[in-house]
Amino acid sequence: MNQNEPAPRPAAAESNAAWGAVGYLVSGPAIYGGLGWLLDRWLDVSFLLPVGLVLGSVLGMYLLIARYARKS
């Protein structure tokens, strides 16, 4: 193996990375959608749930890209 080549990653590490990606994609909309829903109820408005869902999706994708798009 050449010094410039990265060491091969085991299959378990690949599976953990995949589940981590799913966690980012699910937790963003869940958390920010939940906060939007709570603020909708508290402020008696109806637009914060969709705003929270979109914001959570965007932030989840950003975190996913920031975490896993690095060169290995």
Protein backbone atom coordinates (compact mmCIF):
# COMPACT_ATOMS: atom_id res chain seq x y z
CA MET A 1 0.00 0.00 0.00
CA ASN A 2 1.26 3.44 -0.92
CA GLN A 3 1.51 6.13 1.77
CA ASN A 4 -0.84 8.41 -0.20
CA GLU A 5 -3.61 5.83 -0.42
CA PRO A 6 -6.19 5.83 2.38
CA ALA A 7 -6.55 2.68 4.43
CA PRO A 8 -9.57 0.55 3.46
CA ARG A 9 -12.56 1.02 5.73
CA PRO A 10 -14.33 -2.03 7.13
CA ALA A 11 -17.94 -2.78 6.17
CA ALA A 12 -19.17 -1.85 9.65
CA ALA A 13 -17.84 1.68 9.26
CA GLU A 14 -19.69 2.03 5.94
CA SER A 15 -22.92 0.87 7.58
CA ASN A 16 -22.45 3.32 10.45
CA ALA A 17 -21.90 6.15 7.98
CA ALA A 18 -25.10 5.24 6.12
CA TRP A 19 -27.16 5.20 9.31
CA GLY A 20 -25.60 8.50 10.34
CA ALA A 21 -26.70 10.02 7.04
CA VAL A 22 -30.25 8.76 7.57
CA GLY A 23 -30.19 10.23 11.06
CA TYR A 24 -29.25 13.67 9.72
CA LEU A 25 -32.00 13.54 7.09
CA VAL A 26 -34.71 12.48 9.53
CA SER A 27 -33.77 14.44 12.64
CA GLY A 28 -33.57 17.88 10.96
CA PRO A 29 -37.18 18.02 9.75
CA ALA A 30 -38.41 16.20 12.88
CA ILE A 31 -36.83 18.65 15.31
CA TYR A 32 -37.47 21.87 13.41
CA GLY A 33 -40.91 20.71 12.26
CA GLY A 34 -41.75 19.97 15.89
CA LEU A 35 -40.55 23.39 16.96
CA GLY A 36 -42.62 24.96 14.17
CA TRP A 37 -45.67 23.01 15.28
CA LEU A 38 -45.21 24.12 18.89
CA LEU A 39 -44.80 27.75 17.85
CA ASP A 40 -47.89 27.44 15.62
CA ARG A 41 -49.91 26.31 18.63
CA TRP A 42 -48.44 28.89 20.99
CA LEU A 43 -48.73 31.90 18.64
CA ASP A 44 -52.00 30.71 16.99
CA VAL A 45 -50.64 30.95 13.44
CA SER A 46 -50.46 28.35 10.69
CA PHE A 47 -47.27 28.95 8.71
CA LEU A 48 -44.47 27.96 11.10
CA LEU A 49 -44.81 24.18 10.71
CA PRO A 50 -43.99 24.25 6.97
CA VAL A 51 -41.22 26.78 7.61
CA GLY A 52 -39.76 24.48 10.27
CA LEU A 53 -39.95 21.45 7.99
CA VAL A 54 -38.21 23.23 5.12
CA LEU A 55 -35.59 24.77 7.41
CA GLY A 56 -34.94 21.40 9.05
CA SER A 57 -34.56 19.70 5.67
CA VAL A 58 -32.11 22.34 4.46
CA LEU A 59 -30.06 22.20 7.65
CA GLY A 60 -30.06 18.40 7.64
CA MET A 61 -28.76 18.35 4.06
CA TYR A 62 -26.14 20.97 4.93
CA LEU A 63 -24.91 18.92 7.89
CA LEU A 64 -24.91 15.77 5.78
CA ILE A 65 -22.82 17.40 3.07
CA ALA A 66 -20.49 19.07 5.57
CA ARG A 67 -19.92 15.78 7.39
CA TYR A 68 -19.63 13.23 4.56
CA ALA A 69 -18.49 15.17 1.48
CA ARG A 70 -14.90 15.41 2.68
CA LYS A 71 -12.26 13.61 0.69
CA SER A 72 -11.44 10.29 2.31
